Every structure is written in C-alpha cells, then in structure tokens.
Protein backbone atom coordinates (compact mmCIF):
# COMPACT_ATOMS: atom_id res chain seq x y z
CA UNK A 1 26.32 25.31 -2.40
CA UNK A 2 26.58 21.68 -4.10
CA UNK A 3 24.85 20.29 -1.27
CA UNK A 4 22.27 22.68 -1.08
CA UNK A 5 21.60 22.03 -4.98
CA UNK A 6 21.78 18.37 -4.05
CA UNK A 7 19.22 18.72 -1.44
CA UNK A 8 16.83 20.96 -3.40
CA UNK A 9 16.88 18.46 -6.35
CA UNK A 10 16.37 15.78 -4.10
CA UNK A 11 13.18 17.40 -2.52
CA UNK A 12 12.07 18.34 -6.14
CA UNK A 13 12.13 14.58 -6.99
CA UNK A 14 10.63 13.31 -4.34
CA UNK A 15 7.69 16.06 -4.19
CA UNK A 16 7.47 15.23 -7.63
CA UNK A 17 7.26 11.54 -7.26
CA UNK A 18 4.57 12.21 -4.40
CA UNK A 19 2.62 13.78 -6.78
CA UNK A 20 2.46 11.39 -9.60
CA UNK A 21 1.66 8.76 -6.56
CA UNK A 22 -1.11 11.01 -5.76
CA UNK A 23 -2.24 11.51 -9.27
CA UNK A 24 -2.04 7.83 -9.94
CA UNK A 25 -3.91 6.52 -6.35
CA UNK A 26 -6.76 9.21 -7.51
CA UNK A 27 -7.05 7.91 -10.92
CA UNK A 28 -7.33 4.76 -9.43
CA UNK A 29 -9.96 5.76 -6.87
CA UNK A 30 -12.09 7.26 -9.41
CA UNK A 31 -11.67 4.30 -11.47
CA UNK A 32 -13.11 2.11 -8.59
CA UNK A 33 -16.06 4.37 -7.69
CA UNK A 34 -17.18 4.55 -11.48
CA UNK A 35 -17.28 0.62 -11.24
CA UNK A 36 -19.01 0.70 -8.07
CA UNK A 37 -21.48 2.92 -9.42
CA UNK A 38 -22.00 0.93 -12.80
CA UNK A 39 -22.56 -2.12 -10.23
CA UNK A 40 -25.10 0.11 -8.46
CA UNK A 41 -27.17 0.95 -11.31
CA UNK A 42 -27.28 -2.31 -12.59
CA UNK A 43 -28.45 -3.82 -8.95
CA UNK A 44 -30.94 -0.98 -9.34
CA UNK A 45 -32.12 -2.03 -12.46
CA UNK A 46 -32.27 -5.55 -11.61
CA UNK A 47 -34.43 -4.53 -8.90
CA UNK A 48 -37.02 -2.66 -10.96
CA UNK A 49 -37.53 -5.44 -13.25
CA UNK A 50 -38.03 -7.86 -9.94
CA UNK A 51 -40.60 -5.23 -9.09
CA UNK A 52 -42.50 -5.18 -12.02
CA UNK A 53 -42.55 -8.81 -12.36
CA UNK A 54 -43.86 -8.92 -8.76
CA UNK A 55 -46.39 -6.20 -9.52
CA UNK A 56 -47.49 -8.35 -12.02
CA UNK A 57 -48.21 -11.62 -10.36
CA UNK A 58 -49.95 -9.89 -7.64
CA UNK A 59 -52.34 -8.69 -10.55
CA UNK A 60 -52.71 -11.86 -12.05
CA UNK A 61 -53.29 -13.69 -8.77
CA UNK A 62 -56.01 -11.12 -7.51
CA UNK A 63 -57.41 -11.38 -11.07
CA UNK A 64 -57.41 -15.21 -10.20
CA UNK A 65 -58.96 -14.91 -6.98
CA UNK A 66 -61.87 -12.82 -8.30
CA UNK A 67 -62.49 -14.93 -11.06
CA UNK A 68 -62.80 -17.67 -8.76
CA UNK A 69 -65.42 -15.82 -6.19
CA UNK A 70 -67.52 -15.09 -9.28
CA UNK A 71 -67.67 -18.58 -10.43
CA UNK A 72 -68.27 -19.86 -7.25
CA UNK A 73 -71.00 -17.67 -6.12
CA UNK A 74 -72.67 -18.49 -9.61
CA UNK A 75 -72.39 -22.35 -8.98
CA UNK A 76 -73.80 -21.75 -5.47
CA UNK A 77 -77.09 -19.69 -6.91
CA UNK A 78 -77.50 -22.77 -9.82
CA UNK A 79 -77.57 -25.36 -7.74
CA UNK A 80 -79.88 -23.95 -5.07
C-alpha cells in the first residue's frame, strides 16, 4: 500500500505541476497575444492618419493644378 500511495502522490504532484505549468504558459500566451493585438491596432491607427495626410496632399495638388490651369488660360486670352 505504501508504494502505491507513494506512486499516487507522485502522479498527483506531477499532474499538478503540469497543470500549473500549462496555466503559466497560457497566461504568457494570452499576454503576448494582447501585446501583439495592441501593436496591430497602433499600426492601423498610424496608417489611417497617413491615409488622411496623403488624401489631403492629393487634394491640395489637384487644387493647385486646377488653379494653374485657370491662370494659364486667363493669361493666354489676355495677350492674344
């Protein structure tokens, strides 16, 4: 009985250790996932801001191009 009791205690300790190790691993995995998701969200926010800046730059260039076109046609008519 003593050896079977000792064996059962050893199995219980080993399985308890395995469960604790698994819990710690799962906790670390969840933390890494959380950090990764936060980095992705930050990157998405940065890209959205860059998209807004680029759209504004395109609009400014389009406006400048239209204005240049208006002034060029105005100059051509006045000198002819």
